[in-house]
Amino acid sequence: MYEFGCPSCGLMTTELCRIGENGEFLTCLGCGHEGLLKQISGFASPGVSKGRSSGACSSGCHGNCAGCH
């Protein structure tokens, strides 16, 4: 699973693809732009809270808990 971003509209998508796929042949579902950019994504492990009792994300997390956990 790799994350790709559209350089035209900024839409992010996750695709199952082969190792080394760079996104040049992928098409954006939002605007139709051909050629998406591979993104560097953080590893997330559900249920790991590093000492927090609730495990809830901070208000600025936006779904990627690499920075708040």
PDB file of N, CA and C in Angstrom:
ATOM      1  N   MET A   1       0.854  -1.177   0.000  1.00  0.00           N
ATOM      2  CA  MET A   1       0.000   0.000   0.000  1.00  0.00           C
ATOM      3  C   MET A   1       0.898   1.237   0.000  1.00  0.00           C
ATOM      4  N   TYR A   2       0.636   2.099  -0.941  1.00  0.00           N
ATOM      5  CA  TYR A   2       1.376   3.351  -1.036  1.00  0.00           C
ATOM      6  C   TYR A   2       0.387   4.501  -1.122  1.00  0.00           C
ATOM      7  N   GLU A   3       0.793   5.661  -0.619  1.00  0.00           N
ATOM      8  CA  GLU A   3      -0.013   6.866  -0.725  1.00  0.00           C
ATOM      9  C   GLU A   3       0.519   7.696  -1.873  1.00  0.00           C
ATOM     10  N   PHE A   4      -0.416   8.255  -2.661  1.00  0.00           N
ATOM     11  CA  PHE A   4      -0.066   9.108  -3.780  1.00  0.00           C
ATOM     12  C   PHE A   4      -0.872  10.396  -3.675  1.00  0.00           C
ATOM     13  N   GLY A   5      -0.273  11.495  -4.101  1.00  0.00           N
ATOM     14  CA  GLY A   5      -0.949  12.784  -4.097  1.00  0.00           C
ATOM     15  C   GLY A   5      -1.007  13.360  -5.499  1.00  0.00           C
ATOM     16  N   CYS A   6      -2.094  14.045  -5.798  1.00  0.00           N
ATOM     17  CA  CYS A   6      -2.261  14.681  -7.098  1.00  0.00           C
ATOM     18  C   CYS A   6      -1.582  16.054  -7.076  1.00  0.00           C
ATOM     19  N   PRO A   7      -0.662  16.317  -8.009  1.00  0.00           N
ATOM     20  CA  PRO A   7      -0.002  17.617  -8.045  1.00  0.00           C
ATOM     21  C   PRO A   7      -0.928  18.734  -8.525  1.00  0.00           C
ATOM     22  N   SER A   8      -2.059  18.367  -9.117  1.00  0.00           N
ATOM     23  CA  SER A   8      -2.991  19.355  -9.636  1.00  0.00           C
ATOM     24  C   SER A   8      -4.005  19.821  -8.590  1.00  0.00           C
ATOM     25  N   CYS A   9      -4.718  18.856  -7.970  1.00  0.00           N
ATOM     26  CA  CYS A   9      -5.773  19.243  -7.018  1.00  0.00           C
ATOM     27  C   CYS A   9      -5.430  18.912  -5.562  1.00  0.00           C
ATOM     28  N   GLY A  10      -4.371  18.120  -5.325  1.00  0.00           N
ATOM     29  CA  GLY A  10      -3.954  17.809  -3.958  1.00  0.00           C
ATOM     30  C   GLY A  10      -4.651  16.614  -3.325  1.00  0.00           C
ATOM     31  N   LEU A  11      -5.549  15.944  -4.048  1.00  0.00           N
ATOM     32  CA  LEU A  11      -6.258  14.789  -3.507  1.00  0.00           C
ATOM     33  C   LEU A  11      -5.269  13.672  -3.193  1.00  0.00           C
ATOM     34  N   MET A  12      -5.404  13.072  -2.013  1.00  0.00           N
ATOM     35  CA  MET A  12      -4.565  11.954  -1.606  1.00  0.00           C
ATOM     36  C   MET A  12      -5.329  10.659  -1.810  1.00  0.00           C
ATOM     37  N   THR A  13      -4.621   9.619  -2.269  1.00  0.00           N
ATOM     38  CA  THR A  13      -5.224   8.317  -2.466  1.00  0.00           C
ATOM     39  C   THR A  13      -4.242   7.235  -2.041  1.00  0.00           C
ATOM     40  N   THR A  14      -4.759   6.096  -1.640  1.00  0.00           N
ATOM     41  CA  THR A  14      -3.929   4.958  -1.266  1.00  0.00           C
ATOM     42  C   THR A  14      -4.149   3.867  -2.291  1.00  0.00           C
ATOM     43  N   GLU A  15      -3.063   3.328  -2.819  1.00  0.00           N
ATOM     44  CA  GLU A  15      -3.140   2.315  -3.860  1.00  0.00           C
ATOM     45  C   GLU A  15      -2.298   1.102  -3.480  1.00  0.00           C
ATOM     46  N   LEU A  16      -2.811  -0.078  -3.827  1.00  0.00           N
ATOM     47  CA  LEU A  16      -2.053  -1.304  -3.695  1.00  0.00           C
ATOM     48  C   LEU A  16      -1.299  -1.483  -5.004  1.00  0.00           C
ATOM     49  N   CYS A  17       0.027  -1.447  -4.937  1.00  0.00           N
ATOM     50  CA  CYS A  17       0.816  -1.550  -6.155  1.00  0.00           C
ATOM     51  C   CYS A  17       2.158  -2.211  -5.875  1.00  0.00           C
ATOM     52  N   ARG A  18       2.868  -2.505  -6.931  1.00  0.00           N
ATOM     53  CA  ARG A  18       4.153  -3.179  -6.815  1.00  0.00           C
ATOM     54  C   ARG A  18       5.211  -2.260  -6.217  1.00  0.00           C
ATOM     55  N   ILE A  19       6.215  -2.892  -5.599  1.00  0.00           N
ATOM     56  CA  ILE A  19       7.347  -2.131  -5.071  1.00  0.00           C
ATOM     57  C   ILE A  19       8.000  -1.384  -6.226  1.00  0.00           C
ATOM     58  N   GLY A  20       8.301  -0.144  -6.012  1.00  0.00           N
ATOM     59  CA  GLY A  20       8.940   0.672  -7.039  1.00  0.00           C
ATOM     60  C   GLY A  20       7.980   1.472  -7.896  1.00  0.00           C
ATOM     61  N   GLU A  21       6.677   1.246  -7.754  1.00  0.00           N
ATOM     62  CA  GLU A  21       5.696   2.030  -8.512  1.00  0.00           C
ATOM     63  C   GLU A  21       5.842   3.487  -8.121  1.00  0.00           C
ATOM     64  N   ASN A  22       5.942   4.370  -9.111  1.00  0.00           N
ATOM     65  CA  ASN A  22       6.148   5.783  -8.784  1.00  0.00           C
ATOM     66  C   ASN A  22       4.919   6.650  -9.035  1.00  0.00           C
ATOM     67  N   GLY A  23       3.842   6.081  -9.570  1.00  0.00           N
ATOM     68  CA  GLY A  23       2.607   6.831  -9.747  1.00  0.00           C
ATOM     69  C   GLY A  23       2.442   7.511 -11.083  1.00  0.00           C
ATOM     70  N   GLU A  24       3.411   7.397 -11.981  1.00  0.00           N
ATOM     71  CA  GLU A  24       3.330   8.115 -13.245  1.00  0.00           C
ATOM     72  C   GLU A  24       2.170   7.667 -14.136  1.00  0.00           C
ATOM     73  N   PHE A  25       1.665   6.438 -13.945  1.00  0.00           N
ATOM     74  CA  PHE A  25       0.566   5.932 -14.764  1.00  0.00           C
ATOM     75  C   PHE A  25      -0.766   5.920 -14.020  1.00  0.00           C
ATOM     76  N   LEU A  26      -0.803   6.472 -12.806  1.00  0.00           N
ATOM     77  CA  LEU A  26      -2.047   6.543 -12.031  1.00  0.00           C
ATOM     78  C   LEU A  26      -2.789   7.833 -12.368  1.00  0.00           C
ATOM     79  N   THR A  27      -4.110   7.761 -12.346  1.00  0.00           N
ATOM     80  CA  THR A  27      -4.947   8.919 -12.655  1.00  0.00           C
ATOM     81  C   THR A  27      -5.716   9.351 -11.411  1.00  0.00           C
ATOM     82  N   CYS A  28      -5.760  10.648 -11.161  1.00  0.00           N
ATOM     83  CA  CYS A  28      -6.474  11.211 -10.022  1.00  0.00           C
ATOM     84  C   CYS A  28      -7.976  11.011 -10.198  1.00  0.00           C
ATOM     85  N   LEU A  29      -8.626  10.483  -9.156  1.00  0.00           N
ATOM     86  CA  LEU A  29     -10.070  10.283  -9.189  1.00  0.00           C
ATOM     87  C   LEU A  29     -10.829  11.602  -9.038  1.00  0.00           C
ATOM     88  N   GLY A  30     -10.154  12.636  -8.537  1.00  0.00           N
ATOM     89  CA  GLY A  30     -10.812  13.925  -8.324  1.00  0.00           C
ATOM     90  C   GLY A  30     -10.855  14.811  -9.562  1.00  0.00           C
ATOM     91  N   CYS A  31      -9.696  14.945 -10.241  1.00  0.00           N
ATOM     92  CA  CYS A  31      -9.640  15.886 -11.364  1.00  0.00           C
ATOM     93  C   CYS A  31      -9.220  15.245 -12.680  1.00  0.00           C
ATOM     94  N   GLY A  32      -8.809  13.958 -12.652  1.00  0.00           N
ATOM     95  CA  GLY A  32      -8.424  13.267 -13.872  1.00  0.00           C
ATOM     96  C   GLY A  32      -6.980  13.459 -14.295  1.00  0.00           C
ATOM     97  N   HIS A  33      -6.193  14.183 -13.490  1.00  0.00           N
ATOM     98  CA  HIS A  33      -4.774  14.404 -13.820  1.00  0.00           C
ATOM     99  C   HIS A  33      -4.035  13.067 -13.857  1.00  0.00           C
ATOM    100  N   GLU A  34      -3.239  12.840 -14.884  1.00  0.00           N
ATOM    101  CA  GLU A  34      -2.463  11.609 -14.969  1.00  0.00           C
ATOM    102  C   GLU A  34      -1.053  11.872 -14.469  1.00  0.00           C
ATOM    103  N   GLY A  35      -0.589  11.013 -13.566  1.00  0.00           N
ATOM    104  CA  GLY A  35       0.745  11.148 -12.996  1.00  0.00           C
ATOM    105  C   GLY A  35       0.681  11.656 -11.565  1.00  0.00           C
ATOM    106  N   LEU A  36       0.502  10.740 -10.624  1.00  0.00           N
ATOM    107  CA  LEU A  36       0.443  11.105  -9.213  1.00  0.00           C
ATOM    108  C   LEU A  36       1.820  10.994  -8.587  1.00  0.00           C
ATOM    109  N   LEU A  37       2.020  11.667  -7.459  1.00  0.00           N
ATOM    110  CA  LEU A  37       3.310  11.690  -6.775  1.00  0.00           C
ATOM    111  C   LEU A  37       3.269  10.807  -5.540  1.00  0.00           C
ATOM    112  N   LYS A  38       4.239   9.897  -5.435  1.00  0.00           N
ATOM    113  CA  LYS A  38       4.321   9.010  -4.269  1.00  0.00           C
ATOM    114  C   LYS A  38       4.656   9.850  -3.044  1.00  0.00           C
ATOM    115  N   GLN A  39       3.940   9.594  -1.956  1.00  0.00           N
ATOM    116  CA  GLN A  39       4.120  10.324  -0.708  1.00  0.00           C
ATOM    117  C   GLN A  39       4.844   9.463   0.320  1.00  0.00           C
ATOM    118  N   ILE A  40       5.564  10.093   1.195  1.00  0.00           N
ATOM    119  CA  ILE A  40       6.179   9.397   2.316  1.00  0.00           C
ATOM    120  C   ILE A  40       5.145   9.384   3.434  1.00  0.00           C
ATOM    121  N   SER A  41       4.813   8.195   3.905  1.00  0.00           N
ATOM    122  CA  SER A  41       3.794   8.098   4.946  1.00  0.00           C
ATOM    123  C   SER A  41       4.393   7.516   6.213  1.00  0.00           C
ATOM    124  N   GLY A  42       3.828   7.926   7.329  1.00  0.00           N
ATOM    125  CA  GLY A  42       4.278   7.436   8.627  1.00  0.00           C
ATOM    126  C   GLY A  42       3.624   6.121   8.965  1.00  0.00           C
ATOM    127  N   PHE A  43       4.247   5.346   9.806  1.00  0.00           N
ATOM    128  CA  PHE A  43       3.701   4.082  10.275  1.00  0.00           C
ATOM    129  C   PHE A  43       2.750   4.369  11.415  1.00  0.00           C
ATOM    130  N   ALA A  44       1.597   3.750  11.392  1.00  0.00           N
ATOM    131  CA  ALA A  44       0.620   3.922  12.475  1.00  0.00           C
ATOM    132  C   ALA A  44       0.271   2.560  13.043  1.00  0.00           C
ATOM    133  N   SER A  45       0.188   2.483  14.356  1.00  0.00           N
ATOM    134  CA  SER A  45      -0.175   1.246  15.018  1.00  0.00           C
ATOM    135  C   SER A  45      -1.365   1.511  15.925  1.00  0.00           C
ATOM    136  N   PRO A  46      -2.550   1.074  15.522  1.00  0.00           N
ATOM    137  CA  PRO A  46      -3.740   1.322  16.344  1.00  0.00           C
ATOM    138  C   PRO A  46      -3.598   0.714  17.739  1.00  0.00           C
ATOM    139  N   GLY A  47      -4.025   1.462  18.738  1.00  0.00           N
ATOM    140  CA  GLY A  47      -4.024   0.954  20.101  1.00  0.00           C
ATOM    141  C   GLY A  47      -2.768   1.275  20.890  1.00  0.00           C
ATOM    142  N   VAL A  48      -1.769   1.852  20.286  1.00  0.00           N
ATOM    143  CA  VAL A  48      -0.549   2.210  21.005  1.00  0.00           C
ATOM    144  C   VAL A  48      -0.666   3.665  21.401  1.00  0.00           C
ATOM    145  N   SER A  49      -0.637   3.937  22.702  1.00  0.00           N
ATOM    146  CA  SER A  49      -0.853   5.307  23.145  1.00  0.00           C
ATOM    147  C   SER A  49       0.341   5.918  23.863  1.00  0.00           C
ATOM    148  N   LYS A  50       1.424   5.196  24.051  1.00  0.00           N
ATOM    149  CA  LYS A  50       2.631   5.706  24.713  1.00  0.00           C
ATOM    150  C   LYS A  50       2.314   6.416  26.014  1.00  0.00           C
ATOM    151  N   GLY A  51       1.590   5.741  26.891  1.00  0.00           N
ATOM    152  CA  GLY A  51       1.346   6.283  28.218  1.00  0.00           C
ATOM    153  C   GLY A  51       0.063   7.056  28.381  1.00  0.00           C
ATOM    154  N   ARG A  52      -0.594   7.391  27.303  1.00  0.00           N
ATOM    155  CA  ARG A  52      -1.872   8.084  27.440  1.00  0.00           C
ATOM    156  C   ARG A  52      -2.931   7.092  27.857  1.00  0.00           C
ATOM    157  N   SER A  53      -3.781   7.503  28.756  1.00  0.00           N
ATOM    158  CA  SER A  53      -4.798   6.577  29.243  1.00  0.00           C
ATOM    159  C   SER A  53      -5.903   6.348  28.223  1.00  0.00           C
ATOM    160  N   SER A  54      -6.260   7.363  27.427  1.00  0.00           N
ATOM    161  CA  SER A  54      -7.368   7.197  26.488  1.00  0.00           C
ATOM    162  C   SER A  54      -6.900   6.788  25.108  1.00  0.00           C
ATOM    163  N   GLY A  55      -5.669   7.114  24.721  1.00  0.00           N
ATOM    164  CA  GLY A  55      -5.186   6.813  23.388  1.00  0.00           C
ATOM    165  C   GLY A  55      -5.771   7.726  22.326  1.00  0.00           C
ATOM    166  N   ALA A  56      -6.488   8.781  22.738  1.00  0.00           N
ATOM    167  CA  ALA A  56      -7.113   9.688  21.785  1.00  0.00           C
ATOM    168  C   ALA A  56      -6.064  10.593  21.132  1.00  0.00           C
ATOM    169  N   CYS A  57      -6.323  10.922  19.895  1.00  0.00           N
ATOM    170  CA  CYS A  57      -5.408  11.799  19.161  1.00  0.00           C
ATOM    171  C   CYS A  57      -5.588  13.248  19.609  1.00  0.00           C
ATOM    172  N   SER A  58      -4.551  14.034  19.406  1.00  0.00           N
ATOM    173  CA  SER A  58      -4.646  15.457  19.707  1.00  0.00           C
ATOM    174  C   SER A  58      -5.485  16.142  18.640  1.00  0.00           C
ATOM    175  N   SER A  59      -5.883  17.370  18.878  1.00  0.00           N
ATOM    176  CA  SER A  59      -6.762  18.081  17.953  1.00  0.00           C
ATOM    177  C   SER A  59      -6.101  18.350  16.604  1.00  0.00           C
ATOM    178  N   GLY A  60      -4.779  18.409  16.520  1.00  0.00           N
ATOM    179  CA  GLY A  60      -4.089  18.679  15.261  1.00  0.00           C
ATOM    180  C   GLY A  60      -3.632  17.444  14.531  1.00  0.00           C
ATOM    181  N   CYS A  61      -4.102  16.278  14.905  1.00  0.00           N
ATOM    182  CA  CYS A  61      -3.609  15.017  14.366  1.00  0.00           C
ATOM    183  C   CYS A  61      -4.021  14.786  12.912  1.00  0.00           C
ATOM    184  N   HIS A  62      -5.238  15.022  12.535  1.00  0.00           N
ATOM    185  CA  HIS A  62      -5.762  14.828  11.178  1.00  0.00           C
ATOM    186  C   HIS A  62      -5.612  13.393  10.685  1.00  0.00           C
ATOM    187  N   GLY A  63      -5.693  12.395  11.568  1.00  0.00           N
ATOM    188  CA  GLY A  63      -5.699  11.004  11.156  1.00  0.00           C
ATOM    189  C   GLY A  63      -4.344  10.337  11.048  1.00  0.00           C
ATOM    190  N   ASN A  64      -3.252  11.077  11.055  1.00  0.00           N
ATOM    191  CA  ASN A  64      -1.931  10.471  11.013  1.00  0.00           C
ATOM    192  C   ASN A  64      -1.324  10.655  12.386  1.00  0.00           C
ATOM    193  N   CYS A  65      -1.359   9.609  13.203  1.00  0.00           N
ATOM    194  CA  CYS A  65      -0.972   9.711  14.599  1.00  0.00           C
ATOM    195  C   CYS A  65       0.536   9.650  14.840  1.00  0.00           C
ATOM    196  N   ALA A  66       1.331   9.633  13.794  1.00  0.00           N
ATOM    197  CA  ALA A  66       2.781   9.564  13.951  1.00  0.00           C
ATOM    198  C   ALA A  66       3.306  10.736  14.780  1.00  0.00           C
ATOM    199  N   GLY A  67       2.653  11.898  14.679  1.00  0.00           N
ATOM    200  CA  GLY A  67       3.124  13.068  15.391  1.00  0.00           C
ATOM    201  C   GLY A  67       2.546  13.256  16.774  1.00  0.00           C
ATOM    202  N   CYS A  68       1.446  12.557  17.089  1.00  0.00           N
ATOM    203  CA  CYS A  68       0.811  12.789  18.392  1.00  0.00           C
ATOM    204  C   CYS A  68       0.901  11.593  19.318  1.00  0.00           C
ATOM    205  N   HIS A  69       1.379  10.459  18.862  1.00  0.00           N
ATOM    206  CA  HIS A  69       1.513   9.263  19.716  1.00  0.00           C
ATOM    207  C   HIS A  69       2.954   8.840  19.773  1.00  0.00           C
TER     208      HIS A  69
END
